[in-house]
Amino acid sequence: KRLEKEKHEKCAQKPDQQKNLGTVGAVALDCKGNVAYATS
C-alpha cells in the first residue's frame, strides 16, 4: 500500500524526504569493555 501511495503522490508532487526514514539499529557495550554497532 505504501508503494502504491508513494507512486501516486510522486506523480502529483515531489516526494517528502521526511517519510523515508526507517532503519533499525543497535549499539552495545559488553562486560569486557568492547563496543559494537549493527544497522539494517
PDB file of all heavy atoms in Angstrom:
ATOM      1  N   LYS A   1       0.832  -1.216   0.000  1.00  0.00           N
ATOM      2  CA  LYS A   1       0.000   0.000   0.000  1.00  0.00           C
ATOM      3  C   LYS A   1       0.861   1.259   0.000  1.00  0.00           C
ATOM      4  O   LYS A   1       0.544   2.248  -0.656  1.00  0.00           O
ATOM      5  CB  LYS A   1      -0.935  -0.003   1.216  1.00  0.00           C
ATOM      6  CG  LYS A   1      -2.096  -0.978   1.077  1.00  0.00           C
ATOM      7  CD  LYS A   1      -2.965  -0.985   2.318  1.00  0.00           C
ATOM      8  CE  LYS A   1      -4.104  -1.987   2.155  1.00  0.00           C
ATOM      9  NZ  LYS A   1      -4.667  -2.411   3.445  1.00  0.00           N
ATOM     10  N   ARG A   2       1.960   1.203   0.759  1.00  0.00           N
ATOM     11  CA  ARG A   2       2.858   2.371   0.829  1.00  0.00           C
ATOM     12  C   ARG A   2       3.474   2.669  -0.534  1.00  0.00           C
ATOM     13  O   ARG A   2       3.623   3.821  -0.920  1.00  0.00           O
ATOM     14  CB  ARG A   2       3.976   2.128   1.852  1.00  0.00           C
ATOM     15  CG  ARG A   2       3.518   2.249   3.290  1.00  0.00           C
ATOM     16  CD  ARG A   2       4.617   1.853   4.247  1.00  0.00           C
ATOM     17  NE  ARG A   2       5.581   2.911   4.441  1.00  0.00           N
ATOM     18  CZ  ARG A   2       6.661   2.786   5.213  1.00  0.00           C
ATOM     19  NH1 ARG A   2       6.900   1.670   5.846  1.00  0.00           N
ATOM     20  NH2 ARG A   2       7.507   3.786   5.349  1.00  0.00           N
ATOM     21  N   LEU A   3       3.857   1.606  -1.250  1.00  0.00           N
ATOM     22  CA  LEU A   3       4.446   1.794  -2.577  1.00  0.00           C
ATOM     23  C   LEU A   3       3.423   2.414  -3.525  1.00  0.00           C
ATOM     24  O   LEU A   3       3.728   3.347  -4.273  1.00  0.00           O
ATOM     25  CB  LEU A   3       4.939   0.449  -3.140  1.00  0.00           C
ATOM     26  CG  LEU A   3       5.564   0.520  -4.537  1.00  0.00           C
ATOM     27  CD1 LEU A   3       6.827   1.376  -4.534  1.00  0.00           C
ATOM     28  CD2 LEU A   3       5.879  -0.876  -5.064  1.00  0.00           C
ATOM     29  N   GLU A   4       2.205   1.900  -3.475  1.00  0.00           N
ATOM     30  CA  GLU A   4       1.123   2.410  -4.315  1.00  0.00           C
ATOM     31  C   GLU A   4       0.890   3.896  -4.043  1.00  0.00           C
ATOM     32  O   GLU A   4       0.801   4.721  -4.969  1.00  0.00           O
ATOM     33  CB  GLU A   4      -0.153   1.605  -4.014  1.00  0.00           C
ATOM     34  CG  GLU A   4      -1.130   1.524  -5.166  1.00  0.00           C
ATOM     35  CD  GLU A   4      -0.482   1.133  -6.482  1.00  0.00           C
ATOM     36  OE1 GLU A   4       0.228   0.110  -6.545  1.00  0.00           O
ATOM     37  OE2 GLU A   4      -0.655   1.887  -7.455  1.00  0.00           O
ATOM     38  N   LYS A   5       0.838   4.236  -2.752  1.00  0.00           N
ATOM     39  CA  LYS A   5       0.602   5.619  -2.329  1.00  0.00           C
ATOM     40  C   LYS A   5       1.746   6.527  -2.780  1.00  0.00           C
ATOM     41  O   LYS A   5       1.541   7.621  -3.306  1.00  0.00           O
ATOM     42  CB  LYS A   5       0.477   5.645  -0.798  1.00  0.00           C
ATOM     43  CG  LYS A   5       0.113   6.995  -0.205  1.00  0.00           C
ATOM     44  CD  LYS A   5      -0.282   6.821   1.268  1.00  0.00           C
ATOM     45  CE  LYS A   5      -0.616   8.150   1.921  1.00  0.00           C
ATOM     46  NZ  LYS A   5       0.532   8.803   2.551  1.00  0.00           N
ATOM     47  N   GLU A   6       2.980   6.035  -2.617  1.00  0.00           N
ATOM     48  CA  GLU A   6       4.163   6.825  -2.991  1.00  0.00           C
ATOM     49  C   GLU A   6       4.200   7.074  -4.493  1.00  0.00           C
ATOM     50  O   GLU A   6       4.507   8.177  -4.947  1.00  0.00           O
ATOM     51  CB  GLU A   6       5.428   6.084  -2.531  1.00  0.00           C
ATOM     52  CG  GLU A   6       6.727   6.810  -2.812  1.00  0.00           C
ATOM     53  CD  GLU A   6       6.919   8.070  -1.978  1.00  0.00           C
ATOM     54  OE1 GLU A   6       6.257   8.234  -0.940  1.00  0.00           O
ATOM     55  OE2 GLU A   6       7.747   8.912  -2.386  1.00  0.00           O
ATOM     56  N   LYS A   7       3.877   6.063  -5.277  1.00  0.00           N
ATOM     57  CA  LYS A   7       3.873   6.220  -6.744  1.00  0.00           C
ATOM     58  C   LYS A   7       2.807   7.229  -7.151  1.00  0.00           C
ATOM     59  O   LYS A   7       3.035   8.058  -8.035  1.00  0.00           O
ATOM     60  CB  LYS A   7       3.611   4.868  -7.411  1.00  0.00           C
ATOM     61  CG  LYS A   7       4.805   3.935  -7.332  1.00  0.00           C
ATOM     62  CD  LYS A   7       4.698   2.752  -8.270  1.00  0.00           C
ATOM     63  CE  LYS A   7       6.053   2.049  -8.320  1.00  0.00           C
ATOM     64  NZ  LYS A   7       6.136   0.975  -9.266  1.00  0.00           N
ATOM     65  N   HIS A   8       1.670   7.166  -6.498  1.00  0.00           N
ATOM     66  CA  HIS A   8       0.578   8.091  -6.791  1.00  0.00           C
ATOM     67  C   HIS A   8       0.978   9.529  -6.444  1.00  0.00           C
ATOM     68  O   HIS A   8       0.770  10.454  -7.220  1.00  0.00           O
ATOM     69  CB  HIS A   8      -0.666   7.678  -5.989  1.00  0.00           C
ATOM     70  CG  HIS A   8      -1.837   8.584  -6.210  1.00  0.00           C
ATOM     71  ND1 HIS A   8      -2.560   8.580  -7.389  1.00  0.00           N
ATOM     72  CD2 HIS A   8      -2.396   9.535  -5.416  1.00  0.00           C
ATOM     73  CE1 HIS A   8      -3.516   9.499  -7.298  1.00  0.00           C
ATOM     74  NE2 HIS A   8      -3.436  10.088  -6.119  1.00  0.00           N
ATOM     75  N   GLU A   9       1.598   9.700  -5.272  1.00  0.00           N
ATOM     76  CA  GLU A   9       1.997  11.038  -4.819  1.00  0.00           C
ATOM     77  C   GLU A   9       3.155  11.583  -5.635  1.00  0.00           C
ATOM     78  O   GLU A   9       3.262  12.781  -5.836  1.00  0.00           O
ATOM     79  CB  GLU A   9       2.365  10.998  -3.328  1.00  0.00           C
ATOM     80  CG  GLU A   9       1.140  10.900  -2.434  1.00  0.00           C
ATOM     81  CD  GLU A   9       1.487  10.781  -0.961  1.00  0.00           C
ATOM     82  OE1 GLU A   9       2.682  10.920  -0.621  1.00  0.00           O
ATOM     83  OE2 GLU A   9       0.567  10.546  -0.169  1.00  0.00           O
ATOM     84  N   LYS A  10       4.030  10.689  -6.093  1.00  0.00           N
ATOM     85  CA  LYS A  10       5.191  11.129  -6.866  1.00  0.00           C
ATOM     86  C   LYS A  10       4.729  11.763  -8.180  1.00  0.00           C
ATOM     87  O   LYS A  10       5.341  12.697  -8.679  1.00  0.00           O
ATOM     88  CB  LYS A  10       6.125   9.952  -7.138  1.00  0.00           C
ATOM     89  CG  LYS A  10       7.515  10.407  -7.560  1.00  0.00           C
ATOM     90  CD  LYS A  10       8.472   9.250  -7.712  1.00  0.00           C
ATOM     91  CE  LYS A  10       9.845   9.780  -8.111  1.00  0.00           C
ATOM     92  NZ  LYS A  10      10.788   8.716  -8.393  1.00  0.00           N
ATOM     93  N   CYS A  11       3.638  11.234  -8.731  1.00  0.00           N
ATOM     94  CA  CYS A  11       3.075  11.826  -9.955  1.00  0.00           C
ATOM     95  C   CYS A  11       2.582  13.235  -9.670  1.00  0.00           C
ATOM     96  O   CYS A  11       2.640  14.119 -10.507  1.00  0.00           O
ATOM     97  CB  CYS A  11       1.902  10.983 -10.461  1.00  0.00           C
ATOM     98  SG  CYS A  11       2.423   9.340 -10.953  1.00  0.00           S
ATOM     99  N   ALA A  12       2.096  13.439  -8.454  1.00  0.00           N
ATOM    100  CA  ALA A  12       1.461  14.718  -8.113  1.00  0.00           C
ATOM    101  C   ALA A  12       2.465  15.763  -7.636  1.00  0.00           C
ATOM    102  O   ALA A  12       2.291  16.945  -7.870  1.00  0.00           O
ATOM    103  CB  ALA A  12       0.411  14.491  -7.034  1.00  0.00           C
ATOM    104  N   GLN A  13       3.510  15.326  -6.943  1.00  0.00           N
ATOM    105  CA  GLN A  13       4.426  16.307  -6.331  1.00  0.00           C
ATOM    106  C   GLN A  13       5.770  15.671  -6.022  1.00  0.00           C
ATOM    107  O   GLN A  13       5.958  14.481  -6.202  1.00  0.00           O
ATOM    108  CB  GLN A  13       3.807  16.822  -5.027  1.00  0.00           C
ATOM    109  CG  GLN A  13       3.733  15.720  -3.972  1.00  0.00           C
ATOM    110  CD  GLN A  13       2.841  16.080  -2.801  1.00  0.00           C
ATOM    111  OE1 GLN A  13       1.650  16.196  -2.963  1.00  0.00           O
ATOM    112  NE2 GLN A  13       3.422  16.232  -1.653  1.00  0.00           N
ATOM    113  N   LYS A  14       6.685  16.495  -5.494  1.00  0.00           N
ATOM    114  CA  LYS A  14       7.997  15.983  -5.098  1.00  0.00           C
ATOM    115  C   LYS A  14       7.829  15.112  -3.847  1.00  0.00           C
ATOM    116  O   LYS A  14       7.125  15.495  -2.930  1.00  0.00           O
ATOM    117  CB  LYS A  14       8.898  17.189  -4.778  1.00  0.00           C
ATOM    118  CG  LYS A  14      10.355  16.823  -4.645  1.00  0.00           C
ATOM    119  CD  LYS A  14      11.219  18.083  -4.642  1.00  0.00           C
ATOM    120  CE  LYS A  14      12.683  17.704  -4.540  1.00  0.00           C
ATOM    121  NZ  LYS A  14      13.300  18.049  -3.295  1.00  0.00           N
ATOM    122  N   PRO A  15       8.450  13.941  -3.821  1.00  0.00           N
ATOM    123  CA  PRO A  15       8.280  13.097  -2.634  1.00  0.00           C
ATOM    124  C   PRO A  15       8.820  13.773  -1.374  1.00  0.00           C
ATOM    125  O   PRO A  15       9.775  14.549  -1.431  1.00  0.00           O
ATOM    126  CB  PRO A  15       9.070  11.835  -2.966  1.00  0.00           C
ATOM    127  CG  PRO A  15       9.845  12.118  -4.201  1.00  0.00           C
ATOM    128  CD  PRO A  15       9.288  13.332  -4.852  1.00  0.00           C
ATOM    129  N   ASP A  16       8.200  13.480  -0.269  1.00  0.00           N
ATOM    130  CA  ASP A  16       8.550  14.088   1.013  1.00  0.00           C
ATOM    131  C   ASP A  16       9.686  13.299   1.660  1.00  0.00           C
ATOM    132  O   ASP A  16       9.520  12.141   2.021  1.00  0.00           O
ATOM    133  CB  ASP A  16       7.294  14.063   1.894  1.00  0.00           C
ATOM    134  CG  ASP A  16       7.555  14.587   3.291  1.00  0.00           C
ATOM    135  OD1 ASP A  16       8.658  15.123   3.511  1.00  0.00           O
ATOM    136  OD2 ASP A  16       6.664  14.466   4.140  1.00  0.00           O
ATOM    137  N   GLN A  17      10.840  13.957   1.807  1.00  0.00           N
ATOM    138  CA  GLN A  17      12.020  13.326   2.403  1.00  0.00           C
ATOM    139  C   GLN A  17      11.703  12.740   3.781  1.00  0.00           C
ATOM    140  O   GLN A  17      12.246  11.732   4.184  1.00  0.00           O
ATOM    141  CB  GLN A  17      13.069  14.431   2.552  1.00  0.00           C
ATOM    142  CG  GLN A  17      14.476  13.968   2.579  1.00  0.00           C
ATOM    143  CD  GLN A  17      15.376  15.076   3.075  1.00  0.00           C
ATOM    144  OE1 GLN A  17      15.386  15.432   4.240  1.00  0.00           O
ATOM    145  NE2 GLN A  17      16.141  15.646   2.189  1.00  0.00           N
ATOM    146  N   GLN A  18      10.827  13.406   4.498  1.00  0.00           N
ATOM    147  CA  GLN A  18      10.520  13.050   5.881  1.00  0.00           C
ATOM    148  C   GLN A  18       9.906  11.655   6.006  1.00  0.00           C
ATOM    149  O   GLN A  18      10.005  11.025   7.037  1.00  0.00           O
ATOM    150  CB  GLN A  18       9.573  14.126   6.431  1.00  0.00           C
ATOM    151  CG  GLN A  18       8.885  13.808   7.744  1.00  0.00           C
ATOM    152  CD  GLN A  18       9.707  14.204   8.932  1.00  0.00           C
ATOM    153  OE1 GLN A  18      10.905  14.398   8.839  1.00  0.00           O
ATOM    154  NE2 GLN A  18       9.091  14.310  10.064  1.00  0.00           N
ATOM    155  N   LYS A  19       9.265  11.164   4.941  1.00  0.00           N
ATOM    156  CA  LYS A  19       8.577   9.881   5.051  1.00  0.00           C
ATOM    157  C   LYS A  19       9.530   8.703   5.041  1.00  0.00           C
ATOM    158  O   LYS A  19       9.205   7.639   5.523  1.00  0.00           O
ATOM    159  CB  LYS A  19       7.618   9.707   3.862  1.00  0.00           C
ATOM    160  CG  LYS A  19       6.340  10.485   4.026  1.00  0.00           C
ATOM    161  CD  LYS A  19       5.355  10.135   2.949  1.00  0.00           C
ATOM    162  CE  LYS A  19       5.915  10.360   1.573  1.00  0.00           C
ATOM    163  NZ  LYS A  19       4.945  10.795   0.598  1.00  0.00           N
ATOM    164  N   ASN A  20      10.690   8.886   4.443  1.00  0.00           N
ATOM    165  CA  ASN A  20      11.569   7.749   4.184  1.00  0.00           C
ATOM    166  C   ASN A  20      12.729   7.673   5.172  1.00  0.00           C
ATOM    167  O   ASN A  20      13.857   7.929   4.826  1.00  0.00           O
ATOM    168  CB  ASN A  20      12.122   7.850   2.757  1.00  0.00           C
ATOM    169  CG  ASN A  20      11.036   7.653   1.727  1.00  0.00           C
ATOM    170  OD1 ASN A  20      10.208   6.782   1.871  1.00  0.00           O
ATOM    171  ND2 ASN A  20      11.049   8.475   0.696  1.00  0.00           N
ATOM    172  N   LEU A  21      12.416   7.348   6.398  1.00  0.00           N
ATOM    173  CA  LEU A  21      13.472   7.406   7.405  1.00  0.00           C
ATOM    174  C   LEU A  21      13.665   6.108   8.169  1.00  0.00           C
ATOM    175  O   LEU A  21      14.358   6.067   9.157  1.00  0.00           O
ATOM    176  CB  LEU A  21      13.174   8.545   8.403  1.00  0.00           C
ATOM    177  CG  LEU A  21      12.991   9.929   7.788  1.00  0.00           C
ATOM    178  CD1 LEU A  21      12.573  10.926   8.850  1.00  0.00           C
ATOM    179  CD2 LEU A  21      14.257  10.414   7.115  1.00  0.00           C
ATOM    180  N   GLY A  22      13.038   5.017   7.733  1.00  0.00           N
ATOM    181  CA  GLY A  22      13.058   3.800   8.534  1.00  0.00           C
ATOM    182  C   GLY A  22      14.331   2.990   8.405  1.00  0.00           C
ATOM    183  O   GLY A  22      14.809   2.720   7.307  1.00  0.00           O
ATOM    184  N   THR A  23      14.868   2.603   9.520  1.00  0.00           N
ATOM    185  CA  THR A  23      16.050   1.755   9.626  1.00  0.00           C
ATOM    186  C   THR A  23      15.930   1.120  10.998  1.00  0.00           C
ATOM    187  O   THR A  23      15.196   1.629  11.831  1.00  0.00           O
ATOM    188  CB  THR A  23      17.347   2.606   9.624  1.00  0.00           C
ATOM    189  OG1 THR A  23      17.278   3.577   8.598  1.00  0.00           O
ATOM    190  CG2 THR A  23      18.598   1.796   9.459  1.00  0.00           C
ATOM    191  N   VAL A  24      16.647   0.043  11.262  1.00  0.00           N
ATOM    192  CA  VAL A  24      16.756  -0.422  12.645  1.00  0.00           C
ATOM    193  C   VAL A  24      18.227  -0.509  13.003  1.00  0.00           C
ATOM    194  O   VAL A  24      19.081  -0.682  12.124  1.00  0.00           O
ATOM    195  CB  VAL A  24      16.066  -1.787  12.871  1.00  0.00           C
ATOM    196  CG1 VAL A  24      14.606  -1.725  12.455  1.00  0.00           C
ATOM    197  CG2 VAL A  24      16.785  -2.921  12.142  1.00  0.00           C
ATOM    198  N   GLY A  25      18.523  -0.357  14.287  1.00  0.00           N
ATOM    199  CA  GLY A  25      19.928  -0.411  14.680  1.00  0.00           C
ATOM    200  C   GLY A  25      20.101  -0.670  16.158  1.00  0.00           C
ATOM    201  O   GLY A  25      19.156  -0.559  16.943  1.00  0.00           O
ATOM    202  N   ALA A  26      21.330  -1.020  16.527  1.00  0.00           N
ATOM    203  CA  ALA A  26      21.656  -1.266  17.934  1.00  0.00           C
ATOM    204  C   ALA A  26      23.114  -0.928  18.190  1.00  0.00           C
ATOM    205  O   ALA A  26      23.955  -1.043  17.287  1.00  0.00           O
ATOM    206  CB  ALA A  26      21.397  -2.734  18.285  1.00  0.00           C
ATOM    207  N   VAL A  27      23.397  -0.492  19.411  1.00  0.00           N
ATOM    208  CA  VAL A  27      24.772  -0.319  19.884  1.00  0.00           C
ATOM    209  C   VAL A  27      24.877  -1.013  21.238  1.00  0.00           C
ATOM    210  O   VAL A  27      23.887  -1.124  21.963  1.00  0.00           O
ATOM    211  CB  VAL A  27      25.174   1.170  20.025  1.00  0.00           C
ATOM    212  CG1 VAL A  27      25.246   1.846  18.665  1.00  0.00           C
ATOM    213  CG2 VAL A  27      24.225   1.934  20.948  1.00  0.00           C
ATOM    214  N   ALA A  28      26.063  -1.502  21.562  1.00  0.00           N
ATOM    215  CA  ALA A  28      26.221  -2.202  22.838  1.00  0.00           C
ATOM    216  C   ALA A  28      27.635  -2.055  23.379  1.00  0.00           C
ATOM    217  O   ALA A  28      28.593  -1.841  22.629  1.00  0.00           O
ATOM    218  CB  ALA A  28      25.890  -3.692  22.671  1.00  0.00           C
ATOM    219  N   LEU A  29      27.713  -2.166  24.700  1.00  0.00           N
ATOM    220  CA  LEU A  29      28.993  -2.229  25.422  1.00  0.00           C
ATOM    221  C   LEU A  29      28.934  -3.500  26.259  1.00  0.00           C
ATOM    222  O   LEU A  29      27.964  -3.686  27.014  1.00  0.00           O
ATOM    223  CB  LEU A  29      29.150  -1.002  26.329  1.00  0.00           C
ATOM    224  CG  LEU A  29      30.297  -1.026  27.342  1.00  0.00           C
ATOM    225  CD1 LEU A  29      31.639  -0.784  26.659  1.00  0.00           C
ATOM    226  CD2 LEU A  29      30.085   0.024  28.435  1.00  0.00           C
ATOM    227  N   ASP A  30      29.912  -4.383  26.116  1.00  0.00           N
ATOM    228  CA  ASP A  30      29.873  -5.637  26.895  1.00  0.00           C
ATOM    229  C   ASP A  30      30.738  -5.543  28.143  1.00  0.00           C
ATOM    230  O   ASP A  30      31.408  -4.531  28.390  1.00  0.00           O
ATOM    231  CB  ASP A  30      30.233  -6.842  26.017  1.00  0.00           C
ATOM    232  CG  ASP A  30      31.660  -6.816  25.469  1.00  0.00           C
ATOM    233  OD1 ASP A  30      32.554  -6.228  26.120  1.00  0.00           O
ATOM    234  OD2 ASP A  30      31.890  -7.388  24.380  1.00  0.00           O
ATOM    235  N   CYS A  31      30.708  -6.621  28.945  1.00  0.00           N
ATOM    236  CA  CYS A  31      31.382  -6.574  30.245  1.00  0.00           C
ATOM    237  C   CYS A  31      32.905  -6.523  30.115  1.00  0.00           C
ATOM    238  O   CYS A  31      33.598  -6.200  31.072  1.00  0.00           O
ATOM    239  CB  CYS A  31      30.940  -7.741  31.124  1.00  0.00           C
ATOM    240  SG  CYS A  31      31.090  -9.326  30.328  1.00  0.00           S
ATOM    241  N   LYS A  32      33.426  -6.791  28.907  1.00  0.00           N
ATOM    242  CA  LYS A  32      34.878  -6.688  28.691  1.00  0.00           C
ATOM    243  C   LYS A  32      35.281  -5.299  28.201  1.00  0.00           C
ATOM    244  O   LYS A  32      36.452  -5.045  27.925  1.00  0.00           O
ATOM    245  CB  LYS A  32      35.323  -7.747  27.681  1.00  0.00           C
ATOM    246  CG  LYS A  32      35.227  -9.162  28.225  1.00  0.00           C
ATOM    247  CD  LYS A  32      35.731 -10.167  27.208  1.00  0.00           C
ATOM    248  CE  LYS A  32      35.679 -11.576  27.798  1.00  0.00           C
ATOM    249  NZ  LYS A  32      35.792 -12.599  26.752  1.00  0.00           N
ATOM    250  N   GLY A  33      34.288  -4.415  28.019  1.00  0.00           N
ATOM    251  CA  GLY A  33      34.596  -3.055  27.560  1.00  0.00           C
ATOM    252  C   GLY A  33      34.632  -2.899  26.052  1.00  0.00           C
ATOM    253  O   GLY A  33      35.063  -1.863  25.542  1.00  0.00           O
ATOM    254  N   ASN A  34      34.166  -3.925  25.325  1.00  0.00           N
ATOM    255  CA  ASN A  34      34.104  -3.822  23.867  1.00  0.00           C
ATOM    256  C   ASN A  34      32.769  -3.231  23.433  1.00  0.00           C
ATOM    257  O   ASN A  34      31.734  -3.520  24.031  1.00  0.00           O
ATOM    258  CB  ASN A  34      34.259  -5.202  23.221  1.00  0.00           C
ATOM    259  CG  ASN A  34      35.616  -5.814  23.507  1.00  0.00           C
ATOM    260  OD1 ASN A  34      36.642  -5.154  23.365  1.00  0.00           O
ATOM    261  ND2 ASN A  34      35.636  -7.066  23.932  1.00  0.00           N
ATOM    262  N   VAL A  35      32.807  -2.410  22.372  1.00  0.00           N
ATOM    263  CA  VAL A  35      31.584  -1.832  21.823  1.00  0.00           C
ATOM    264  C   VAL A  35      31.359  -2.354  20.410  1.00  0.00           C
ATOM    265  O   VAL A  35      32.286  -2.837  19.750  1.00  0.00           O
ATOM    266  CB  VAL A  35      31.620  -0.272  21.799  1.00  0.00           C
ATOM    267  CG1 VAL A  35      31.721   0.290  23.206  1.00  0.00           C
ATOM    268  CG2 VAL A  35      32.736   0.251  20.904  1.00  0.00           C
ATOM    269  N   ALA A  36      30.098  -2.275  19.959  1.00  0.00           N
ATOM    270  CA  ALA A  36      29.755  -2.702  18.602  1.00  0.00           C
ATOM    271  C   ALA A  36      28.497  -1.974  18.168  1.00  0.00           C
ATOM    272  O   ALA A  36      27.739  -1.466  19.000  1.00  0.00           O
ATOM    273  CB  ALA A  36      29.531  -4.209  18.554  1.00  0.00           C
ATOM    274  N   TYR A  37      28.281  -1.928  16.852  1.00  0.00           N
ATOM    275  CA  TYR A  37      27.007  -1.429  16.327  1.00  0.00           C
ATOM    276  C   TYR A  37      26.528  -2.386  15.248  1.00  0.00           C
ATOM    277  O   TYR A  37      27.314  -3.110  14.638  1.00  0.00           O
ATOM    278  CB  TYR A  37      27.143  -0.002  15.757  1.00  0.00           C
ATOM    279  CG  TYR A  37      27.431   0.045  14.267  1.00  0.00           C
ATOM    280  CD1 TYR A  37      26.402  -0.057  13.322  1.00  0.00           C
ATOM    281  CD2 TYR A  37      28.733   0.144  13.774  1.00  0.00           C
ATOM    282  CE1 TYR A  37      26.670  -0.047  11.957  1.00  0.00           C
ATOM    283  CE2 TYR A  37      29.010   0.147  12.417  1.00  0.00           C
ATOM    284  CZ  TYR A  37      27.968   0.048  11.515  1.00  0.00           C
ATOM    285  OH  TYR A  37      28.226   0.034  10.163  1.00  0.00           O
ATOM    286  N   ALA A  38      25.213  -2.352  14.999  1.00  0.00           N
ATOM    287  CA  ALA A  38      24.624  -3.034  13.846  1.00  0.00           C
ATOM    288  C   ALA A  38      23.487  -2.171  13.335  1.00  0.00           C
ATOM    289  O   ALA A  38      22.735  -1.595  14.132  1.00  0.00           O
ATOM    290  CB  ALA A  38      24.110  -4.417  14.241  1.00  0.00           C
ATOM    291  N   THR A  39      23.352  -2.055  12.015  1.00  0.00           N
ATOM    292  CA  THR A  39      22.266  -1.290  11.392  1.00  0.00           C
ATOM    293  C   THR A  39      21.748  -2.084  10.200  1.00  0.00           C
ATOM    294  O   THR A  39      22.530  -2.709   9.484  1.00  0.00           O
ATOM    295  CB  THR A  39      22.755   0.103  10.925  1.00  0.00           C
ATOM    296  OG1 THR A  39      23.482   0.747  11.981  1.00  0.00           O
ATOM    297  CG2 THR A  39      21.596   1.004  10.541  1.00  0.00           C
ATOM    298  N   SER A  40      20.415  -2.073   9.995  1.00  0.00           N
ATOM    299  CA  SER A  40      19.816  -2.841   8.904  1.00  0.00           C
ATOM    300  C   SER A  40      18.603  -2.095   8.371  1.00  0.00           C
ATOM    301  O   SER A  40      17.885  -1.438   9.132  1.00  0.00           O
ATOM    302  CB  SER A  40      19.398  -4.223   9.433  1.00  0.00           C
ATOM    303  OG  SER A  40      18.845  -5.023   8.402  1.00  0.00           O
TER     304      SER A  40
END
